[in-house]
Amino acid sequence: MPRRSRTDGLTGREVEILRRVTSGLTNRQLAEELGVSTRTIDAHLRSVYAKLGVKSRSAATRYAIEHHLV
């Protein structure tokens, strides 16, 4: 069985977004910094939440900290 990567199945872009979320940025701020729409950020965050098994920004932040993703 392959070892789980440090990023817990997240894509590079999802890790990047998660790291920025943990720093307190809003979806609008993320979109502006990354040059994408807020809908794109929403889609990435839905994917992050699903992959991590969480339902909120704060839960994703906690997961990221506890699992050393940030």
N, C-alpha and C. Protein backbone atom coordinates (compact mmCIF):
# COMPACT_ATOMS: atom_id res chain seq x y z
N MET A 1 0.84 -1.18 0.00
CA MET A 1 0.00 0.00 0.00
C MET A 1 0.89 1.24 0.00
N PRO A 2 0.64 2.20 -0.93
CA PRO A 2 1.49 3.39 -0.98
C PRO A 2 1.29 4.28 0.25
N ARG A 3 2.37 4.91 0.63
CA ARG A 3 2.28 5.85 1.74
C ARG A 3 1.50 7.08 1.33
N ARG A 4 0.78 7.62 2.25
CA ARG A 4 0.06 8.87 2.01
C ARG A 4 1.05 10.01 1.95
N SER A 5 0.88 10.89 0.99
CA SER A 5 1.81 12.01 0.88
C SER A 5 1.54 13.02 1.98
N ARG A 6 2.47 13.87 2.20
CA ARG A 6 2.34 14.91 3.21
C ARG A 6 1.17 15.83 2.92
N THR A 7 0.74 15.90 1.68
CA THR A 7 -0.34 16.81 1.31
C THR A 7 -1.71 16.15 1.39
N ASP A 8 -1.78 14.92 1.88
CA ASP A 8 -3.04 14.22 2.10
C ASP A 8 -3.95 14.19 0.88
N GLY A 9 -3.36 14.00 -0.29
CA GLY A 9 -4.15 13.86 -1.50
C GLY A 9 -4.55 15.17 -2.16
N LEU A 10 -4.13 16.29 -1.59
CA LEU A 10 -4.45 17.59 -2.17
C LEU A 10 -3.52 17.88 -3.35
N THR A 11 -4.05 18.61 -4.33
CA THR A 11 -3.20 19.06 -5.43
C THR A 11 -2.32 20.19 -4.92
N GLY A 12 -1.32 20.53 -5.69
CA GLY A 12 -0.46 21.66 -5.32
C GLY A 12 -1.23 22.95 -5.15
N ARG A 13 -2.18 23.19 -6.06
CA ARG A 13 -2.99 24.42 -5.98
C ARG A 13 -3.87 24.41 -4.74
N GLU A 14 -4.42 23.24 -4.39
CA GLU A 14 -5.26 23.15 -3.19
C GLU A 14 -4.44 23.40 -1.93
N VAL A 15 -3.23 22.89 -1.90
CA VAL A 15 -2.35 23.14 -0.75
C VAL A 15 -2.04 24.63 -0.67
N GLU A 16 -1.76 25.24 -1.80
CA GLU A 16 -1.48 26.68 -1.83
C GLU A 16 -2.66 27.47 -1.29
N ILE A 17 -3.85 27.13 -1.71
CA ILE A 17 -5.06 27.83 -1.26
C ILE A 17 -5.29 27.57 0.23
N LEU A 18 -5.14 26.32 0.66
CA LEU A 18 -5.31 26.01 2.08
C LEU A 18 -4.34 26.79 2.93
N ARG A 19 -3.11 26.89 2.50
CA ARG A 19 -2.11 27.66 3.27
C ARG A 19 -2.51 29.12 3.38
N ARG A 20 -3.04 29.67 2.31
CA ARG A 20 -3.47 31.07 2.34
C ARG A 20 -4.71 31.24 3.20
N VAL A 21 -5.59 30.27 3.18
CA VAL A 21 -6.79 30.31 4.03
C VAL A 21 -6.38 30.33 5.49
N THR A 22 -5.38 29.52 5.84
CA THR A 22 -4.96 29.47 7.24
C THR A 22 -4.35 30.79 7.70
N SER A 23 -3.94 31.62 6.76
CA SER A 23 -3.40 32.93 7.14
C SER A 23 -4.50 33.97 7.29
N GLY A 24 -5.76 33.56 7.06
CA GLY A 24 -6.88 34.45 7.31
C GLY A 24 -7.42 35.18 6.09
N LEU A 25 -6.94 34.86 4.90
CA LEU A 25 -7.43 35.55 3.71
C LEU A 25 -8.86 35.13 3.37
N THR A 26 -9.64 36.07 2.88
CA THR A 26 -11.00 35.78 2.42
C THR A 26 -10.94 35.20 1.01
N ASN A 27 -12.06 34.66 0.56
CA ASN A 27 -12.10 34.13 -0.80
C ASN A 27 -11.82 35.23 -1.82
N ARG A 28 -12.34 36.40 -1.59
CA ARG A 28 -12.08 37.52 -2.51
C ARG A 28 -10.60 37.87 -2.54
N GLN A 29 -9.97 37.93 -1.39
CA GLN A 29 -8.54 38.23 -1.34
C GLN A 29 -7.72 37.14 -2.03
N LEU A 30 -8.11 35.88 -1.80
CA LEU A 30 -7.43 34.77 -2.47
C LEU A 30 -7.55 34.90 -3.98
N ALA A 31 -8.76 35.17 -4.44
CA ALA A 31 -9.00 35.29 -5.88
C ALA A 31 -8.15 36.41 -6.48
N GLU A 32 -8.11 37.54 -5.80
CA GLU A 32 -7.32 38.67 -6.30
C GLU A 32 -5.83 38.31 -6.35
N GLU A 33 -5.33 37.70 -5.29
CA GLU A 33 -3.90 37.34 -5.25
C GLU A 33 -3.52 36.33 -6.32
N LEU A 34 -4.43 35.38 -6.58
CA LEU A 34 -4.12 34.29 -7.50
C LEU A 34 -4.59 34.56 -8.93
N GLY A 35 -5.30 35.65 -9.12
CA GLY A 35 -5.76 36.02 -10.46
C GLY A 35 -6.84 35.10 -11.01
N VAL A 36 -7.72 34.62 -10.12
CA VAL A 36 -8.83 33.77 -10.52
C VAL A 36 -10.12 34.34 -9.95
N SER A 37 -11.24 33.72 -10.30
CA SER A 37 -12.53 34.20 -9.79
C SER A 37 -12.80 33.62 -8.41
N THR A 38 -13.71 34.25 -7.70
CA THR A 38 -14.10 33.72 -6.39
C THR A 38 -14.79 32.37 -6.55
N ARG A 39 -15.44 32.14 -7.68
CA ARG A 39 -16.06 30.83 -7.93
C ARG A 39 -15.00 29.74 -8.03
N THR A 40 -13.87 30.06 -8.61
CA THR A 40 -12.77 29.10 -8.68
C THR A 40 -12.25 28.78 -7.29
N ILE A 41 -12.12 29.80 -6.47
CA ILE A 41 -11.68 29.58 -5.08
C ILE A 41 -12.70 28.71 -4.35
N ASP A 42 -13.99 29.01 -4.53
CA ASP A 42 -15.04 28.19 -3.91
C ASP A 42 -14.90 26.72 -4.31
N ALA A 43 -14.66 26.47 -5.60
CA ALA A 43 -14.53 25.10 -6.09
C ALA A 43 -13.32 24.41 -5.46
N HIS A 44 -12.21 25.11 -5.39
CA HIS A 44 -11.02 24.53 -4.76
C HIS A 44 -11.29 24.21 -3.29
N LEU A 45 -11.94 25.13 -2.60
CA LEU A 45 -12.20 24.90 -1.18
C LEU A 45 -13.16 23.74 -0.96
N ARG A 46 -14.16 23.59 -1.81
CA ARG A 46 -15.07 22.44 -1.70
C ARG A 46 -14.28 21.14 -1.85
N SER A 47 -13.36 21.13 -2.79
CA SER A 47 -12.53 19.95 -3.01
C SER A 47 -11.63 19.69 -1.80
N VAL A 48 -11.03 20.74 -1.27
CA VAL A 48 -10.17 20.60 -0.08
C VAL A 48 -10.98 20.03 1.07
N TYR A 49 -12.15 20.59 1.33
CA TYR A 49 -12.99 20.12 2.43
C TYR A 49 -13.34 18.66 2.26
N ALA A 50 -13.70 18.28 1.05
CA ALA A 50 -14.08 16.88 0.78
C ALA A 50 -12.90 15.94 1.01
N LYS A 51 -11.74 16.32 0.52
CA LYS A 51 -10.56 15.46 0.66
C LYS A 51 -10.10 15.34 2.11
N LEU A 52 -10.28 16.40 2.88
CA LEU A 52 -9.85 16.38 4.29
C LEU A 52 -10.94 15.88 5.22
N GLY A 53 -12.16 15.77 4.71
CA GLY A 53 -13.28 15.31 5.54
C GLY A 53 -13.73 16.34 6.55
N VAL A 54 -13.68 17.61 6.15
CA VAL A 54 -14.12 18.70 7.03
C VAL A 54 -15.23 19.49 6.35
N LYS A 55 -15.87 20.36 7.14
CA LYS A 55 -17.01 21.10 6.59
C LYS A 55 -16.88 22.61 6.70
N SER A 56 -15.77 23.09 7.23
CA SER A 56 -15.65 24.54 7.41
C SER A 56 -14.21 25.00 7.24
N ARG A 57 -14.08 26.29 7.07
CA ARG A 57 -12.78 26.94 6.95
C ARG A 57 -11.95 26.72 8.22
N SER A 58 -12.59 26.87 9.37
CA SER A 58 -11.85 26.70 10.62
C SER A 58 -11.42 25.25 10.82
N ALA A 59 -12.26 24.30 10.42
CA ALA A 59 -11.88 22.88 10.53
C ALA A 59 -10.74 22.56 9.58
N ALA A 60 -10.75 23.13 8.39
CA ALA A 60 -9.67 22.91 7.43
C ALA A 60 -8.37 23.51 7.97
N THR A 61 -8.47 24.67 8.58
CA THR A 61 -7.29 25.31 9.17
C THR A 61 -6.72 24.45 10.28
N ARG A 62 -7.59 23.96 11.14
CA ARG A 62 -7.14 23.10 12.24
C ARG A 62 -6.47 21.83 11.70
N TYR A 63 -7.09 21.21 10.70
CA TYR A 63 -6.53 20.01 10.08
C TYR A 63 -5.14 20.31 9.53
N ALA A 64 -5.03 21.42 8.80
CA ALA A 64 -3.76 21.79 8.19
C ALA A 64 -2.66 21.96 9.23
N ILE A 65 -3.00 22.58 10.34
CA ILE A 65 -2.01 22.81 11.40
C ILE A 65 -1.64 21.49 12.06
N GLU A 66 -2.65 20.70 12.40
CA GLU A 66 -2.38 19.43 13.10
C GLU A 66 -1.61 18.43 12.23
N HIS A 67 -1.79 18.51 10.91
CA HIS A 67 -1.12 17.57 10.01
C HIS A 67 0.09 18.18 9.30
N HIS A 68 0.53 19.32 9.82
CA HIS A 68 1.76 19.98 9.33
C HIS A 68 1.72 20.28 7.83
N LEU A 69 0.55 20.71 7.35
CA LEU A 69 0.42 21.12 5.96
C LEU A 69 0.75 22.60 5.79
N VAL A 70 0.88 23.29 6.89
CA VAL A 70 1.26 24.71 6.85
C VAL A 70 2.44 24.93 7.76
